[in-house]
């Protein structure tokens, strides 16, 4: 086999390998341009479903029960119309709220003054079941975004 024949074979093999890599990489690149993908980057990052200390149903105790929502992207996400609900249908709707990039907001059960980092459901009773429940986040079109489950009735691992 001559040197030029070896070079041609190596060049052909490199071209085939590049074509395979390009084909495999295409779906991942296309997924990055999906307009709905930005919502999948907003997640339920933490849940405090049991109020620490004595549960007195006081506003202070109610506000120790919360769900953390995190925006893992660099851009601000408009959560206006998004909902956070438990398995029994108790639902909190976000109104006129934008979650900055790389930030988290806590949604507390009780009453309080909304800030950039803390929102309040203004409830007078606990929402999250201590033994087993699921917090579900949906976008303004009602589409599933994320959930977090705990207790004996959830499927899969305890993510949060």
N, C-alpha and C. Protein backbone atom coordinates (compact mmCIF):
# COMPACT_ATOMS: atom_id res chain seq x y z
N UNK A 1 0.84 -1.15 0.00
CA UNK A 1 0.00 0.00 0.00
C UNK A 1 0.89 1.22 0.00
N UNK A 2 0.60 2.17 -0.88
CA UNK A 2 1.42 3.37 -0.99
C UNK A 2 1.01 4.38 0.07
N UNK A 3 1.86 5.38 0.29
CA UNK A 3 1.59 6.43 1.27
C UNK A 3 0.37 7.23 0.85
N UNK A 4 0.21 7.50 -0.45
CA UNK A 4 -0.94 8.29 -0.90
C UNK A 4 -2.25 7.52 -0.70
N UNK A 5 -2.19 6.19 -0.85
CA UNK A 5 -3.37 5.37 -0.61
C UNK A 5 -3.76 5.41 0.87
N UNK A 6 -2.80 5.36 1.76
CA UNK A 6 -3.06 5.43 3.21
C UNK A 6 -3.65 6.78 3.59
N UNK A 7 -3.11 7.84 3.00
CA UNK A 7 -3.61 9.19 3.30
C UNK A 7 -5.07 9.31 2.84
N UNK A 8 -5.37 8.77 1.62
CA UNK A 8 -6.75 8.83 1.13
C UNK A 8 -7.70 8.06 2.05
N UNK A 9 -7.29 6.89 2.53
CA UNK A 9 -8.14 6.10 3.42
C UNK A 9 -8.35 6.82 4.75
N UNK A 10 -7.30 7.42 5.28
CA UNK A 10 -7.42 8.15 6.54
C UNK A 10 -8.33 9.37 6.37
N UNK A 11 -8.19 10.04 5.23
CA UNK A 11 -9.03 11.21 4.95
C UNK A 11 -10.49 10.78 4.83
N UNK A 12 -10.75 9.68 4.15
CA UNK A 12 -12.11 9.18 3.99
C UNK A 12 -12.69 8.78 5.35
N UNK A 13 -11.89 8.12 6.18
CA UNK A 13 -12.36 7.71 7.51
C UNK A 13 -12.67 8.94 8.37
N UNK A 14 -11.85 9.97 8.27
CA UNK A 14 -12.07 11.20 9.04
C UNK A 14 -13.36 11.89 8.57
N UNK A 15 -13.61 11.89 7.27
CA UNK A 15 -14.81 12.51 6.73
C UNK A 15 -16.07 11.77 7.20
N UNK A 16 -15.99 10.44 7.19
CA UNK A 16 -17.12 9.65 7.66
C UNK A 16 -17.37 9.91 9.15
N UNK A 17 -16.31 9.93 9.94
CA UNK A 17 -16.45 10.18 11.38
C UNK A 17 -17.04 11.57 11.63
N UNK A 18 -16.60 12.56 10.89
CA UNK A 18 -17.14 13.92 11.04
C UNK A 18 -18.62 13.96 10.69
N UNK A 19 -19.00 13.22 9.67
CA UNK A 19 -20.41 13.16 9.28
C UNK A 19 -21.27 12.52 10.35
N UNK A 20 -20.77 11.46 10.97
CA UNK A 20 -21.50 10.79 12.04
C UNK A 20 -21.63 11.72 13.25
N UNK A 21 -20.55 12.38 13.64
CA UNK A 21 -20.59 13.30 14.78
C UNK A 21 -21.56 14.44 14.49
N UNK A 22 -21.54 14.97 13.29
CA UNK A 22 -22.46 16.05 12.92
C UNK A 22 -23.91 15.62 12.99
N UNK A 23 -24.19 14.40 12.57
CA UNK A 23 -25.56 13.88 12.61
C UNK A 23 -26.02 13.67 14.05
N UNK A 24 -25.15 13.14 14.90
CA UNK A 24 -25.49 12.91 16.29
C UNK A 24 -25.69 14.24 17.02
N UNK A 25 -24.90 15.25 16.71
CA UNK A 25 -24.97 16.54 17.40
C UNK A 25 -26.18 17.36 16.97
N UNK A 26 -26.73 17.10 15.80
CA UNK A 26 -27.84 17.90 15.28
C UNK A 26 -29.06 17.94 16.19
N UNK A 27 -29.58 16.82 16.70
CA UNK A 27 -30.76 16.90 17.55
C UNK A 27 -30.55 17.75 18.81
N UNK A 28 -29.38 17.66 19.43
CA UNK A 28 -29.12 18.46 20.63
C UNK A 28 -29.14 19.94 20.29
N UNK A 29 -28.57 20.32 19.18
CA UNK A 29 -28.56 21.72 18.77
C UNK A 29 -29.97 22.19 18.46
N UNK A 30 -30.75 21.37 17.79
CA UNK A 30 -32.12 21.74 17.46
C UNK A 30 -32.95 21.91 18.74
N UNK A 31 -32.71 21.06 19.75
CA UNK A 31 -33.46 21.16 21.01
C UNK A 31 -33.18 22.48 21.71
N UNK A 32 -31.98 23.00 21.56
CA UNK A 32 -31.64 24.27 22.21
C UNK A 32 -32.45 25.43 21.67
N UNK A 33 -33.02 25.29 20.49
CA UNK A 33 -33.79 26.37 19.88
C UNK A 33 -35.29 26.20 20.06
N UNK A 34 -35.70 25.20 20.83
CA UNK A 34 -37.12 24.98 21.11
C UNK A 34 -37.62 26.10 22.01
N UNK A 35 -38.64 26.87 21.62
CA UNK A 35 -39.11 27.99 22.44
C UNK A 35 -39.68 27.56 23.79
N UNK A 36 -40.21 26.35 23.92
CA UNK A 36 -40.75 25.89 25.20
C UNK A 36 -39.66 25.42 26.16
N UNK A 37 -38.44 25.24 25.67
CA UNK A 37 -37.34 24.75 26.49
C UNK A 37 -37.03 25.69 27.63
N UNK A 38 -37.23 26.99 27.46
CA UNK A 38 -36.88 27.94 28.52
C UNK A 38 -37.69 27.69 29.78
N UNK A 39 -38.91 27.19 29.65
CA UNK A 39 -39.74 26.91 30.82
C UNK A 39 -39.24 25.69 31.58
N UNK A 40 -38.59 24.76 30.92
CA UNK A 40 -38.09 23.57 31.61
C UNK A 40 -36.92 23.91 32.53
N UNK A 41 -36.37 25.08 32.40
CA UNK A 41 -35.27 25.49 33.25
C UNK A 41 -35.74 26.13 34.55
N UNK A 42 -37.04 26.32 34.71
CA UNK A 42 -37.59 26.80 35.97
C UNK A 42 -38.05 25.56 36.72
N UNK A 43 -37.57 25.39 37.96
CA UNK A 43 -37.83 24.16 38.69
C UNK A 43 -38.26 24.44 40.13
N UNK A 44 -38.90 23.45 40.72
CA UNK A 44 -39.14 23.47 42.16
C UNK A 44 -37.83 22.99 42.78
N UNK A 45 -37.15 23.89 43.44
CA UNK A 45 -35.81 23.58 43.93
C UNK A 45 -35.78 23.09 45.37
N UNK A 46 -36.82 23.39 46.15
CA UNK A 46 -36.83 22.98 47.55
C UNK A 46 -38.25 23.11 48.07
N UNK A 47 -38.59 22.27 49.07
CA UNK A 47 -39.90 22.34 49.69
C UNK A 47 -39.72 22.21 51.20
N UNK A 48 -40.28 23.14 51.94
CA UNK A 48 -40.36 23.04 53.40
C UNK A 48 -41.82 22.76 53.71
N UNK A 49 -42.19 21.46 53.71
CA UNK A 49 -43.60 21.10 53.86
C UNK A 49 -44.02 20.90 55.31
N UNK A 50 -43.07 20.91 56.22
CA UNK A 50 -43.37 20.83 57.64
C UNK A 50 -42.81 22.08 58.28
N UNK A 51 -43.69 22.87 58.89
CA UNK A 51 -43.26 24.09 59.56
C UNK A 51 -42.39 23.71 60.76
N UNK A 52 -41.13 24.17 60.80
CA UNK A 52 -40.26 23.84 61.93
C UNK A 52 -40.84 24.39 63.24
N UNK A 53 -40.62 23.68 64.31
CA UNK A 53 -41.12 24.13 65.60
C UNK A 53 -42.55 23.68 65.81
N UNK A 54 -43.20 24.35 66.74
CA UNK A 54 -44.58 24.03 67.08
C UNK A 54 -45.54 24.60 66.05
N UNK A 55 -46.45 23.78 65.56
CA UNK A 55 -47.43 24.25 64.58
C UNK A 55 -48.63 24.83 65.31
N UNK A 56 -48.75 26.13 65.23
CA UNK A 56 -49.80 26.83 65.96
C UNK A 56 -50.84 27.44 65.04
N UNK A 57 -50.67 27.28 63.74
CA UNK A 57 -51.51 27.92 62.72
C UNK A 57 -51.40 29.43 62.77
N UNK A 58 -50.40 29.93 63.47
CA UNK A 58 -50.15 31.37 63.46
C UNK A 58 -49.57 31.73 62.10
N UNK A 59 -49.64 32.98 61.73
CA UNK A 59 -49.09 33.41 60.45
C UNK A 59 -47.60 33.11 60.38
N UNK A 60 -46.90 33.29 61.49
CA UNK A 60 -45.46 33.00 61.53
C UNK A 60 -45.20 31.53 61.22
N UNK A 61 -45.99 30.63 61.82
CA UNK A 61 -45.84 29.21 61.58
C UNK A 61 -46.22 28.85 60.14
N UNK A 62 -47.30 29.44 59.63
CA UNK A 62 -47.72 29.18 58.24
C UNK A 62 -46.65 29.59 57.25
N UNK A 63 -45.95 30.69 57.53
CA UNK A 63 -44.93 31.18 56.60
C UNK A 63 -43.63 30.39 56.65
N UNK A 64 -43.51 29.49 57.62
CA UNK A 64 -42.35 28.59 57.65
C UNK A 64 -42.57 27.39 56.74
N UNK A 65 -43.75 27.30 56.17
CA UNK A 65 -44.08 26.29 55.15
C UNK A 65 -43.97 27.00 53.81
N UNK A 66 -43.08 26.52 52.90
CA UNK A 66 -42.87 27.22 51.64
C UNK A 66 -42.35 26.27 50.56
N UNK A 67 -42.42 26.75 49.33
CA UNK A 67 -41.87 26.04 48.17
C UNK A 67 -40.92 26.99 47.45
N UNK A 68 -39.71 26.53 47.15
CA UNK A 68 -38.74 27.33 46.42
C UNK A 68 -38.84 27.06 44.92
N UNK A 69 -38.91 28.13 44.15
CA UNK A 69 -38.94 28.05 42.68
C UNK A 69 -37.67 28.72 42.18
N UNK A 70 -36.87 28.01 41.38
CA UNK A 70 -35.58 28.52 40.92
C UNK A 70 -35.55 28.63 39.40
N UNK A 71 -35.02 29.75 38.92
CA UNK A 71 -34.77 29.97 37.49
C UNK A 71 -33.29 29.70 37.26
N UNK A 72 -32.98 28.61 36.58
CA UNK A 72 -31.59 28.23 36.33
C UNK A 72 -31.00 28.90 35.10
N UNK A 73 -31.79 29.67 34.37
CA UNK A 73 -31.28 30.33 33.17
C UNK A 73 -30.69 31.68 33.54
N UNK A 74 -30.07 32.33 32.57
CA UNK A 74 -29.51 33.67 32.79
C UNK A 74 -30.54 34.77 32.55
N UNK A 75 -31.63 34.44 31.89
CA UNK A 75 -32.63 35.47 31.55
C UNK A 75 -33.82 35.42 32.50
N UNK A 76 -34.48 36.55 32.65
CA UNK A 76 -35.67 36.66 33.48
C UNK A 76 -36.82 35.90 32.83
N UNK A 77 -37.62 35.22 33.67
CA UNK A 77 -38.78 34.47 33.19
C UNK A 77 -40.03 35.11 33.80
N UNK A 78 -41.01 35.41 32.95
CA UNK A 78 -42.27 35.98 33.39
C UNK A 78 -43.16 34.84 33.90
N UNK A 79 -43.45 34.83 35.21
CA UNK A 79 -44.28 33.78 35.80
C UNK A 79 -45.75 34.18 35.90
N UNK A 80 -46.12 35.30 35.33
CA UNK A 80 -47.51 35.77 35.39
C UNK A 80 -48.44 34.69 34.84
N UNK A 81 -49.40 34.26 35.66
CA UNK A 81 -50.35 33.23 35.24
C UNK A 81 -49.91 31.81 35.54
N UNK A 82 -48.67 31.60 35.97
CA UNK A 82 -48.20 30.26 36.35
C UNK A 82 -48.89 29.87 37.65
N UNK A 83 -48.98 28.55 37.91
CA UNK A 83 -49.63 28.08 39.13
C UNK A 83 -48.74 27.08 39.86
N UNK A 84 -48.95 27.05 41.17
CA UNK A 84 -48.31 26.09 42.06
C UNK A 84 -49.44 25.45 42.85
N UNK A 85 -49.57 24.12 42.77
CA UNK A 85 -50.70 23.45 43.40
C UNK A 85 -50.27 22.19 44.14
N UNK A 86 -51.09 21.81 45.14
CA UNK A 86 -50.88 20.55 45.82
C UNK A 86 -51.78 19.49 45.19
N UNK A 87 -51.68 18.25 45.66
CA UNK A 87 -52.45 17.16 45.04
C UNK A 87 -53.95 17.28 45.28
N UNK A 88 -54.36 18.09 46.26
CA UNK A 88 -55.78 18.28 46.53
C UNK A 88 -56.38 19.47 45.78
N UNK A 89 -55.54 20.17 45.01
CA UNK A 89 -56.05 21.26 44.19
C UNK A 89 -55.95 22.65 44.78
N UNK A 90 -55.34 22.78 45.98
CA UNK A 90 -55.09 24.12 46.51
C UNK A 90 -54.08 24.78 45.57
N UNK A 91 -54.45 25.90 44.97
CA UNK A 91 -53.64 26.50 43.91
C UNK A 91 -53.28 27.94 44.22
N UNK A 92 -52.01 28.25 44.01
CA UNK A 92 -51.52 29.63 44.09
C UNK A 92 -51.20 30.06 42.66
N UNK A 93 -51.68 31.23 42.25
CA UNK A 93 -51.40 31.76 40.91
C UNK A 93 -50.46 32.95 41.03
N UNK A 94 -49.39 32.93 40.27
CA UNK A 94 -48.44 34.05 40.24
C UNK A 94 -49.08 35.21 39.47
N UNK A 95 -49.02 36.41 40.05
CA UNK A 95 -49.56 37.60 39.40
C UNK A 95 -48.46 38.64 39.24
N UNK A 96 -48.22 39.06 38.02
CA UNK A 96 -47.27 40.15 37.74
C UNK A 96 -45.92 39.92 38.43
N UNK A 97 -45.38 38.72 38.25
CA UNK A 97 -44.09 38.41 38.88
C UNK A 97 -43.11 37.91 37.83
N UNK A 98 -41.92 38.49 37.86
CA UNK A 98 -40.82 38.07 36.98
C UNK A 98 -39.69 37.54 37.85
N UNK A 99 -39.26 36.31 37.56
CA UNK A 99 -38.19 35.68 38.31
C UNK A 99 -36.88 35.91 37.57
N UNK A 100 -36.00 36.66 38.21
CA UNK A 100 -34.71 36.98 37.60
C UNK A 100 -33.92 35.71 37.31
N UNK A 101 -32.99 35.82 36.36
CA UNK A 101 -32.12 34.70 36.04
C UNK A 101 -31.25 34.34 37.22
N UNK A 102 -30.99 33.04 37.35
CA UNK A 102 -30.14 32.51 38.42
C UNK A 102 -30.62 32.95 39.80
N UNK A 103 -31.94 32.92 40.02
CA UNK A 103 -32.47 33.32 41.33
C UNK A 103 -33.61 32.40 41.75
N UNK A 104 -33.96 32.50 43.03
CA UNK A 104 -35.00 31.67 43.63
C UNK A 104 -36.00 32.55 44.37
N UNK A 105 -37.26 32.18 44.31
CA UNK A 105 -38.30 32.83 45.09
C UNK A 105 -38.95 31.75 45.96
N UNK A 106 -39.26 32.11 47.19
CA UNK A 106 -39.99 31.21 48.08
C UNK A 106 -41.46 31.63 48.11
N UNK A 107 -42.33 30.65 47.91
CA UNK A 107 -43.77 30.89 47.97
C UNK A 107 -44.25 30.35 49.32
N UNK A 108 -44.54 31.28 50.25
CA UNK A 108 -44.95 30.94 51.61
C UNK A 108 -46.46 30.72 51.66
N UNK A 109 -46.90 29.92 52.62
CA UNK A 109 -48.32 29.61 52.75
C UNK A 109 -49.12 30.76 53.36
N UNK A 110 -48.58 31.43 54.37
CA UNK A 110 -49.32 32.45 55.11
C UNK A 110 -49.40 33.79 54.40
N UNK A 111 -49.64 34.82 55.21
CA UNK A 111 -49.81 36.18 54.70
C UNK A 111 -48.52 36.98 54.87
N UNK A 112 -48.31 37.92 53.96
CA UNK A 112 -47.13 38.77 54.04
C UNK A 112 -47.08 39.72 52.87
N UNK A 113 -46.04 40.53 52.85
CA UNK A 113 -45.83 41.49 51.77
C UNK A 113 -44.88 40.88 50.74
N UNK A 114 -45.35 40.75 49.50
CA UNK A 114 -44.53 40.15 48.45
C UNK A 114 -43.28 40.98 48.19
N UNK A 115 -42.15 40.27 47.98
CA UNK A 115 -40.88 40.90 47.61
C UNK A 115 -40.31 40.14 46.42
N UNK A 116 -39.12 40.49 45.98
CA UNK A 116 -38.46 39.77 44.86
C UNK A 116 -38.14 38.33 45.25
N UNK A 117 -37.89 38.08 46.54
CA UNK A 117 -37.44 36.76 46.97
C UNK A 117 -38.49 35.97 47.74
N UNK A 118 -39.59 36.61 48.13
CA UNK A 118 -40.62 35.94 48.92
C UNK A 118 -42.01 36.36 48.45
N UNK A 119 -42.85 35.37 48.15
CA UNK A 119 -44.24 35.61 47.78
C UNK A 119 -45.12 34.90 48.81
N UNK A 120 -46.35 35.37 48.97
CA UNK A 120 -47.24 34.84 50.00
C UNK A 120 -48.59 34.45 49.40
N UNK A 121 -49.07 33.25 49.80
CA UNK A 121 -50.36 32.76 49.31
C UNK A 121 -51.53 33.39 50.06
N UNK A 122 -51.27 34.01 51.20
CA UNK A 122 -52.30 34.65 52.03
C UNK A 122 -53.36 33.66 52.52
N UNK A 123 -52.91 32.49 52.93
CA UNK A 123 -53.81 31.46 53.47
C UNK A 123 -53.78 31.47 55.00
N UNK A 124 -54.83 30.95 55.59
CA UNK A 124 -54.93 30.86 57.04
C UNK A 124 -54.85 29.41 57.53
N UNK A 125 -54.51 28.48 56.61
CA UNK A 125 -54.37 27.07 56.96
C UNK A 125 -53.20 26.49 56.16
N UNK A 126 -52.61 25.43 56.70
CA UNK A 126 -51.50 24.77 56.02
C UNK A 126 -51.98 24.15 54.70
N UNK A 127 -51.09 24.13 53.71
CA UNK A 127 -51.42 23.57 52.40
C UNK A 127 -50.78 22.20 52.21
N UNK A 128 -49.51 22.08 52.51
CA UNK A 128 -48.74 20.89 52.16
C UNK A 128 -48.90 19.81 53.23
N UNK A 129 -49.34 18.63 52.80
CA UNK A 129 -49.51 17.50 53.69
C UNK A 129 -48.14 17.02 54.16
N UNK A 130 -48.01 16.77 55.45
CA UNK A 130 -46.72 16.36 56.01
C UNK A 130 -46.33 14.95 55.61
N UNK A 131 -47.30 14.05 55.54
CA UNK A 131 -46.99 12.65 55.26
C UNK A 131 -46.69 12.38 53.80
N UNK A 132 -47.50 12.93 52.91
CA UNK A 132 -47.32 12.67 51.47
C UNK A 132 -48.06 13.74 50.68
N UNK A 133 -47.39 14.31 49.71
CA UNK A 133 -48.02 15.33 48.87
C UNK A 133 -47.15 15.54 47.64
N UNK A 134 -47.66 16.31 46.71
CA UNK A 134 -46.92 16.68 45.51
C UNK A 134 -47.17 18.15 45.23
N UNK A 135 -46.09 18.90 45.05
CA UNK A 135 -46.18 20.29 44.62
C UNK A 135 -45.98 20.28 43.10
N UNK A 136 -46.92 20.88 42.36
CA UNK A 136 -46.84 20.87 40.90
C UNK A 136 -46.83 22.30 40.37
N UNK A 137 -45.86 22.59 39.52
CA UNK A 137 -45.71 23.91 38.89
C UNK A 137 -46.14 23.79 37.43
N UNK A 138 -47.06 24.70 37.02
CA UNK A 138 -47.52 24.73 35.63
C UNK A 138 -47.35 26.14 35.08
N UNK A 139 -47.12 26.24 33.77
CA UNK A 139 -46.95 27.56 33.16
C UNK A 139 -48.30 28.21 32.89
N UNK A 140 -48.27 29.39 32.27
CA UNK A 140 -49.50 30.15 32.04
C UNK A 140 -50.43 29.51 31.02
N UNK A 141 -50.00 28.45 30.36
CA UNK A 141 -50.85 27.70 29.43
C UNK A 141 -51.34 26.40 30.06
N UNK A 142 -51.05 26.22 31.36
CA UNK A 142 -51.46 25.02 32.06
C UNK A 142 -50.58 23.82 31.81
N UNK A 143 -49.45 24.02 31.14
CA UNK A 143 -48.55 22.91 30.83
C UNK A 143 -47.63 22.61 32.02
N UNK A 144 -47.43 21.34 32.26
CA UNK A 144 -46.55 20.88 33.33
C UNK A 144 -45.14 21.43 33.16
N UNK A 145 -44.57 21.95 34.25
CA UNK A 145 -43.20 22.45 34.24
C UNK A 145 -42.33 21.57 35.13
N UNK A 146 -42.77 21.35 36.38
CA UNK A 146 -41.99 20.55 37.32
C UNK A 146 -42.88 20.14 38.48
N UNK A 147 -42.42 19.13 39.22
CA UNK A 147 -43.10 18.77 40.46
C UNK A 147 -42.10 18.22 41.46
N UNK A 148 -42.52 18.17 42.71
CA UNK A 148 -41.72 17.58 43.78
C UNK A 148 -42.69 16.82 44.68
N UNK A 149 -42.34 15.56 44.98
CA UNK A 149 -43.19 14.72 45.81
C UNK A 149 -42.43 14.24 47.03
N UNK A 150 -43.17 13.95 48.09
CA UNK A 150 -42.57 13.39 49.29
C UNK A 150 -43.59 12.47 49.94
N UNK A 151 -43.10 11.61 50.81
CA UNK A 151 -43.96 10.72 51.57
C UNK A 151 -44.17 9.38 50.91
N UNK A 152 -45.09 8.62 51.46
CA UNK A 152 -45.27 7.22 51.06
C UNK A 152 -46.00 7.02 49.74
N UNK A 153 -46.68 8.04 49.22
CA UNK A 153 -47.49 7.85 48.01
C UNK A 153 -46.85 8.37 46.74
N UNK A 154 -45.62 8.88 46.81
CA UNK A 154 -45.04 9.41 45.58
C UNK A 154 -44.32 8.31 44.81
N UNK A 155 -44.21 8.54 43.52
CA UNK A 155 -43.51 7.61 42.63
C UNK A 155 -42.10 8.11 42.43
N UNK A 156 -41.16 7.19 42.38
CA UNK A 156 -39.79 7.57 42.12
C UNK A 156 -39.11 8.07 43.38
N UNK A 157 -37.91 8.63 43.21
CA UNK A 157 -37.13 9.11 44.34
C UNK A 157 -37.60 10.45 44.83
N UNK A 158 -37.26 10.77 46.04
CA UNK A 158 -37.57 12.08 46.61
C UNK A 158 -36.54 13.07 46.11
N UNK A 159 -36.91 13.86 45.09
CA UNK A 159 -35.96 14.76 44.43
C UNK A 159 -35.61 15.94 45.30
N UNK A 160 -36.52 16.39 46.12
CA UNK A 160 -36.28 17.65 46.84
C UNK A 160 -36.34 17.44 48.32
